[in-house]
Every structure is written in C-alpha cells, then in structure tokens.
Amino acid sequence: MLIVLSPAKTLDLETPSTTELHTTPDFLASSGQLIDVLRRYTPAQVGSLMHISDTLAHLNVGRYASWGQHGSEARQAVMAFNGDVYAGLDARTLKPAQLAYAQDHVRILSGLYGVLRPLDLIHPHRLEMGTRLDTPAGKDLYAFWGERVTGALNGAIAANGAEVLVNLASEEYFKSVKPKLLSVPVITPVFEDWKSGKYKIISFFAKRARGMMARYAAVKGITDPAKLKRFKVDGYAFDKRDSDERTWIFRRKLEA
C-alpha cells in the first residue's frame, strides 16, 4: 500500500534530524520554476496571495530569494514539517527500519515540490497547494502540477507493489491527485470525535490521528491495508457499521 500525507505550514529548522540519510525531490526543476515566479512578488503581494502576516510575508520573500543556494538550510521533509500531522507521526523517534518503511510507503503532497518522499531534502518555504499562483501552466497550482502528481504516485505504487492508496491527506492537497488515473483504488480513513451529542471531525485531532496512523503503519511494517482496521491508538477504533469499502471511519469517545 501507499500512504499520502499533507505537508505542514510550519517548519522546525532547529531540532536536529535523527538520520543523515537523504534523497532529492523528483520535481526539483519544476520547484525552481515556481520559485522563479514567486521571486517576482513583493512582500505585500505575497501577503495578499497567501493571506499571511507582513512578518511571514517578508520571511518567505527572503526564503524565495535564497532558495536552493549553496549553504541555505535544507533538511529531510519528514524532519522539517512541524504541524499536527507530524506531531502524530513523531518521525524522530522512528527506528531506521521504520524510517525506511516510510521512505518506501509514504508520500507527502506539496505545493512547491509536487510529491515528496519522507527523506527528500527541502528548503524553507511556504506555498500551500490551494494557492492561486498564476503560472504559464494556468491560474493555480493544481493546473501547474496537472497529472504529474498522479503519475508520481503511480510510479511509487508500481515500485512497492501497492494494491491501494491510503489517503491521509487533507482535501486541499488530495485535489492535486486524479483518482480516476490512479492504478489502484483509494481508501480514505476518517477520524471522528464525540462532541455535543454526536460524532464529528475535529480538525486538530483528525490531523494528529492521520499522522498517528502513518506512524502505526511504519512501526508495524504494514503492507496489507486491512490491518489498518486494527488501529487503536489514543482511543480511536474502527467503526465497521458506518464504514464502507472506500471510507473507513475511526471514532473515539473521550471521558468527560
């Protein structure tokens, strides 16, 4: 099986990586084309485009200017991303064999890099997949990446003999994938918490749970997706009654 995750908006560039192993993103030349477009933007334009503060806009304009230069900061994607998903994944505590599993069985969708392996080196940046960045390919990043994200996933599927793709990415990022062109079916785990008398998706908890499921797969070395139904971490459990063949519901009801 192949698992896809979203990246994170925030980066941890201070905590040391636990491995020196690294790889190079497959679409680095395309990333450079996007950086060339972004370098034409002023901080005010970046702030407006990405709906971020002046401070963040200036920070990222500086990052675009130095992106890819010798001596600029770069680290493995799975060590750099610092959001809720990656708190759940907790990659720094994975053993070498578990990181190797992730490298083979996990892909991270990215606005700037298209598709990343966990150990691909990335430079500090901010560019969400939903950004309406105008490029020669079209009005947004979905147009820019076209079918290449799907093609890269099909390549990874063929390489590891996957029979399904497990979608642990957000809707924004999975829109860059064209499921009808995938060589395997898609299974989407959904994580719900009990609140105000009913089960619902709570974003913070759901993101963290996606990372925890990816970690669970790496720790267990899972290749049969059916074994993900055994996921019982942090109170979640598979709900067979409300799940179907392609959407797997995991629920928890925390004590009040």
Protein backbone atom coordinates (compact mmCIF):
# COMPACT_ATOMS: atom_id res chain seq x y z
CA MET A 1 0.00 0.00 0.00
CA LEU A 2 0.99 3.62 -0.43
CA ILE A 3 0.07 6.33 2.09
CA VAL A 4 -0.23 10.02 1.20
CA LEU A 5 0.02 12.86 3.71
CA SER A 6 -0.26 16.64 3.56
CA PRO A 7 2.74 18.83 4.46
CA ALA A 8 2.69 21.38 7.29
CA LYS A 9 2.63 25.17 7.17
CA THR A 10 5.21 25.48 9.95
CA LEU A 11 8.76 24.16 9.88
CA ASP A 12 11.18 23.03 12.57
CA LEU A 13 14.63 24.08 11.43
CA GLU A 14 16.27 23.84 14.85
CA THR A 15 15.75 20.32 16.23
CA PRO A 16 18.48 18.02 14.89
CA SER A 17 17.49 15.28 12.46
CA THR A 18 17.96 11.74 13.70
CA THR A 19 19.38 10.48 10.40
CA GLU A 20 21.86 11.73 7.85
CA LEU A 21 20.18 9.76 5.06
CA HIS A 22 18.53 11.96 2.46
CA THR A 23 17.23 11.93 -1.08
CA THR A 24 16.50 14.55 -3.74
CA PRO A 25 12.94 15.55 -4.72
CA ASP A 26 11.91 14.24 -8.13
CA PHE A 27 10.44 17.53 -9.37
CA LEU A 28 13.19 19.90 -8.28
CA ALA A 29 13.33 21.63 -11.68
CA SER A 30 9.58 22.33 -11.51
CA SER A 31 10.00 23.65 -7.96
CA GLY A 32 12.62 26.05 -9.31
CA GLN A 33 10.13 27.31 -11.89
CA LEU A 34 7.66 28.12 -9.11
CA ILE A 35 10.36 29.87 -7.10
CA ASP A 36 11.20 31.99 -10.16
CA VAL A 37 7.54 33.10 -10.29
CA LEU A 38 7.45 33.83 -6.55
CA ARG A 39 10.65 35.89 -6.69
CA ARG A 40 8.76 38.50 -8.74
CA TYR A 41 6.37 39.16 -5.85
CA THR A 42 6.84 41.88 -3.26
CA PRO A 43 6.22 41.11 0.42
CA ALA A 44 2.86 42.88 0.17
CA GLN A 45 1.89 40.77 -2.83
CA VAL A 46 2.98 37.54 -1.10
CA GLY A 47 0.96 38.51 1.97
CA SER A 48 -2.13 39.13 -0.14
CA LEU A 49 -1.64 35.96 -2.22
CA MET A 50 -1.21 33.68 0.78
CA HIS A 51 -3.28 35.56 3.35
CA ILE A 52 -0.38 35.77 5.79
CA SER A 53 1.01 38.49 8.05
CA ASP A 54 3.59 41.06 6.96
CA THR A 55 6.18 39.32 9.11
CA LEU A 56 5.60 35.95 7.45
CA ALA A 57 5.47 37.56 4.02
CA HIS A 58 8.88 39.18 4.49
CA LEU A 59 10.29 35.92 5.88
CA ASN A 60 9.17 33.95 2.86
CA VAL A 61 10.29 36.52 0.32
CA GLY A 62 13.73 36.11 1.86
CA ARG A 63 13.39 32.34 1.63
CA TYR A 64 12.47 32.53 -2.06
CA ALA A 65 15.50 34.74 -2.69
CA SER A 66 17.92 32.26 -1.11
CA TRP A 67 16.09 29.05 -2.07
CA GLY A 68 18.44 26.35 -3.33
CA GLN A 69 21.59 28.40 -2.87
CA HIS A 70 24.73 26.76 -1.51
CA GLY A 71 24.71 26.93 2.28
CA SER A 72 20.99 27.62 2.61
CA GLU A 73 19.13 25.50 5.13
CA ALA A 74 17.78 22.19 3.91
CA ARG A 75 16.59 19.12 5.78
CA GLN A 76 14.54 15.99 5.24
CA ALA A 77 10.85 16.73 4.72
CA VAL A 78 9.68 14.43 7.49
CA MET A 79 12.08 16.14 9.92
CA ALA A 80 11.24 19.68 8.77
CA PHE A 81 7.44 19.71 8.80
CA ASN A 82 6.11 20.67 12.20
CA GLY A 83 2.29 20.57 12.20
CA ASP A 84 -0.32 18.40 13.88
CA VAL A 85 0.13 15.51 11.42
CA TYR A 86 3.85 15.41 12.15
CA ALA A 87 3.33 15.54 15.90
CA GLY A 88 1.32 12.35 15.44
CA LEU A 89 3.94 10.80 13.16
CA ASP A 90 6.81 11.74 15.52
CA ALA A 91 9.40 10.80 12.90
CA ARG A 92 12.42 11.49 15.10
CA THR A 93 11.55 8.53 17.31
CA LEU A 94 11.17 6.08 14.43
CA LYS A 95 13.86 3.43 14.19
CA PRO A 96 15.97 3.18 11.00
CA ALA A 97 13.90 0.27 9.63
CA GLN A 98 10.70 2.21 10.31
CA LEU A 99 12.04 5.29 8.51
CA ALA A 100 12.99 3.03 5.62
CA TYR A 101 9.40 1.76 5.54
CA ALA A 102 8.14 5.35 5.43
CA GLN A 103 10.53 6.19 2.61
CA ASP A 104 9.06 3.35 0.54
CA HIS A 105 5.40 3.54 1.58
CA VAL A 106 4.67 7.22 2.37
CA ARG A 107 4.46 10.21 0.05
CA ILE A 108 3.89 13.84 1.06
CA LEU A 109 1.95 16.05 -1.33
CA SER A 110 3.44 19.53 -1.66
CA GLY A 111 2.52 22.80 -3.34
CA LEU A 112 6.16 23.58 -4.10
CA TYR A 113 7.60 20.09 -4.64
CA GLY A 114 4.61 18.18 -6.02
CA VAL A 115 5.37 14.85 -4.33
CA LEU A 116 7.99 14.20 -1.68
CA ARG A 117 9.47 11.10 -0.13
CA PRO A 118 9.95 11.50 3.63
CA LEU A 119 13.74 11.81 3.36
CA ASP A 120 13.77 14.22 0.42
CA LEU A 121 15.67 17.39 1.30
CA ILE A 122 13.53 20.53 1.23
CA HIS A 123 14.41 24.19 1.64
CA PRO A 124 12.45 26.51 3.94
CA HIS A 125 9.38 27.76 2.13
CA ARG A 126 5.67 28.37 2.31
CA LEU A 127 3.41 27.52 -0.62
CA GLU A 128 0.14 25.76 0.03
CA MET A 129 -1.41 23.64 -2.70
CA GLY A 130 -4.57 25.76 -2.77
CA THR A 131 -2.65 28.98 -3.54
CA ARG A 132 -3.92 30.68 -6.69
CA LEU A 133 -0.45 31.31 -8.07
CA ASP A 134 -0.61 32.25 -11.73
CA THR A 135 1.96 30.37 -13.83
CA PRO A 136 2.33 29.70 -17.57
CA ALA A 137 0.51 26.40 -16.92
CA GLY A 138 -2.62 28.04 -15.51
CA LYS A 139 -4.24 30.02 -12.74
CA ASP A 140 -3.27 27.86 -9.77
CA LEU A 141 -1.02 25.06 -8.53
CA TYR A 142 -3.49 22.35 -9.49
CA ALA A 143 -3.08 23.49 -13.09
CA PHE A 144 0.69 23.75 -12.70
CA TRP A 145 1.08 20.18 -11.45
CA GLY A 146 -1.55 18.74 -13.78
CA GLU A 147 -1.25 14.93 -13.91
CA ARG A 148 2.34 14.79 -12.65
CA VAL A 149 1.41 14.21 -9.00
CA THR A 150 -0.78 11.27 -10.00
CA GLY A 151 1.94 9.95 -12.28
CA ALA A 152 4.50 10.07 -9.47
CA LEU A 153 2.14 8.21 -7.15
CA ASN A 154 1.55 5.56 -9.81
CA GLY A 155 5.32 5.18 -10.06
CA ALA A 156 5.62 4.64 -6.31
CA ILE A 157 2.69 2.22 -6.38
CA ALA A 158 4.39 0.16 -9.06
CA ALA A 159 7.73 0.25 -7.23
CA ASN A 160 6.40 -1.15 -3.96
CA GLY A 161 3.66 -3.36 -5.39
CA ALA A 162 0.88 -1.45 -3.61
CA GLU A 163 -2.69 -2.59 -4.13
CA VAL A 164 -4.35 0.50 -2.64
CA LEU A 165 -3.59 4.13 -1.91
CA VAL A 166 -4.43 5.20 1.66
CA ASN A 167 -5.45 8.85 1.63
CA LEU A 168 -4.38 10.53 4.86
CA ALA A 169 -4.08 13.94 3.20
CA SER A 170 -6.39 16.92 3.52
CA GLU A 171 -8.99 17.72 0.87
CA GLU A 172 -6.92 20.69 -0.32
CA TYR A 173 -3.92 18.51 -1.07
CA PHE A 174 -5.70 15.42 -2.34
CA LYS A 175 -7.34 17.60 -5.01
CA SER A 176 -3.94 17.52 -6.72
CA VAL A 177 -4.47 13.77 -7.28
CA LYS A 178 -6.66 12.42 -10.06
CA PRO A 179 -8.14 9.22 -8.57
CA LYS A 180 -9.52 8.01 -11.90
CA LEU A 181 -5.98 7.92 -13.28
CA LEU A 182 -4.54 6.02 -10.33
CA SER A 183 -3.65 2.39 -10.94
CA VAL A 184 -5.18 1.30 -7.62
CA PRO A 185 -8.32 2.18 -5.60
CA VAL A 186 -8.28 4.80 -2.81
CA ILE A 187 -9.16 4.17 0.82
CA THR A 188 -9.79 7.23 3.00
CA PRO A 189 -9.67 6.84 6.79
CA VAL A 190 -11.83 9.41 8.61
CA PHE A 191 -11.30 10.25 12.28
CA GLU A 192 -14.22 11.47 14.38
CA ASP A 193 -14.59 12.54 18.00
CA TRP A 194 -17.71 12.62 20.15
CA LYS A 195 -18.75 16.20 20.86
CA SER A 196 -22.07 17.87 21.71
CA GLY A 197 -24.01 14.63 21.43
CA LYS A 198 -22.64 13.38 18.11
CA TYR A 199 -19.51 12.25 16.31
CA LYS A 200 -17.78 14.88 14.19
CA ILE A 201 -14.42 15.62 12.61
CA ILE A 202 -12.40 17.97 14.80
CA SER A 203 -9.57 19.29 12.65
CA PHE A 204 -6.78 19.34 15.24
CA PHE A 205 -7.50 15.81 16.43
CA ALA A 206 -8.09 14.45 12.92
CA LYS A 207 -4.78 15.79 11.62
CA ARG A 208 -2.89 14.31 14.53
CA ALA A 209 -4.67 10.97 14.04
CA ARG A 210 -3.61 10.87 10.39
CA GLY A 211 0.00 11.17 11.49
CA MET A 212 -0.53 8.52 14.17
CA MET A 213 -1.93 6.10 11.60
CA ALA A 214 1.06 6.65 9.31
CA ARG A 215 3.31 6.00 12.30
CA TYR A 216 1.33 2.88 13.21
CA ALA A 217 1.86 1.54 9.69
CA ALA A 218 5.60 2.25 9.85
CA VAL A 219 6.08 0.73 13.29
CA LYS A 220 4.11 -2.40 12.35
CA GLY A 221 5.57 -2.60 8.84
CA ILE A 222 2.07 -2.91 7.39
CA THR A 223 1.69 -3.77 3.73
CA ASP A 224 -1.85 -5.20 3.91
CA PRO A 225 -4.19 -2.20 4.29
CA ALA A 226 -6.82 -4.33 6.04
CA LYS A 227 -4.50 -4.39 9.05
CA LEU A 228 -5.05 -0.64 9.46
CA LYS A 229 -8.50 -1.51 10.78
CA ARG A 230 -6.70 -2.76 13.89
CA PHE A 231 -5.53 0.80 14.59
CA LYS A 232 -6.37 1.53 18.22
CA VAL A 233 -4.26 4.50 19.21
CA ASP A 234 -5.17 7.36 21.52
CA GLY A 235 -8.68 5.99 21.97
CA TYR A 236 -9.67 5.62 18.29
CA ALA A 237 -11.18 2.39 16.98
CA PHE A 238 -12.55 1.23 13.64
CA ASP A 239 -16.34 1.55 13.32
CA LYS A 240 -17.38 -1.21 10.93
CA ARG A 241 -21.07 -0.27 10.98
CA ASP A 242 -20.67 3.19 9.48
CA SER A 243 -17.68 2.42 7.25
CA ASP A 244 -17.84 1.24 3.66
CA GLU A 245 -15.38 -0.27 1.21
CA ARG A 246 -13.57 3.00 0.50
CA THR A 247 -14.26 5.18 3.57
CA TRP A 248 -13.09 3.79 6.89
CA ILE A 249 -14.45 5.53 9.98
CA PHE A 250 -12.43 5.59 13.20
CA ARG A 251 -14.11 7.04 16.28
CA ARG A 252 -13.38 7.77 19.89
CA LYS A 253 -15.44 8.96 22.79
CA LEU A 254 -13.22 10.53 25.42
CA GLU A 255 -14.25 10.64 29.04
CA ALA A 256 -15.82 13.97 30.02
